[in-house]
Amino acid sequence: MEAPAHTARRLLFGLGLALLLATAFALIDGRLPPSVCAENAIECTASSDISWLVPAFTVVTLLAGFIIHLGITKGVKSPLLQMFPIEGPTAQRERMINELSESQDEDDLSGAWANLEQGLLSSKIGEEE
């Protein structure tokens, strides 16, 4: 199993290329740029301004894939690499186990301090009586 960043890069590039193909077909078919049909035109298919979303999503997905690619190959930091880490599942598991053990150690230490403080306060109360 590969790292999530590699899978995300592959998916984003694949989706970007599919959207690029859809954009090319829309340009060939005359749906881009959006056209308005005349009232008496029989073989005209009107398209709306929303058809510009396909090329916009194409650019966004290809840029996101390229940013992840730069993060993998050149070590460029980006928010996308925080969502899709470069490390594999075994490294993620080890990191999570270490973080969990550290948090448990901190909880145990704070519990020990609380018990010590409680003991001191109860001994002070016992001395005052």
Foldseek 3Di string as FASTA:
>chain_A
DAFQLVVLLVVLVVLLVVLVVVVVVCVVVVPPPFDDDDPPDDPDDGHDNCVVVSVVSSVVSNVLSVVSVCCQPVVDDDVVCVVGPRDDPVVVVVVVVVVVVVVVVVVVVVVVVVVVVVVVVVVVVVVVD
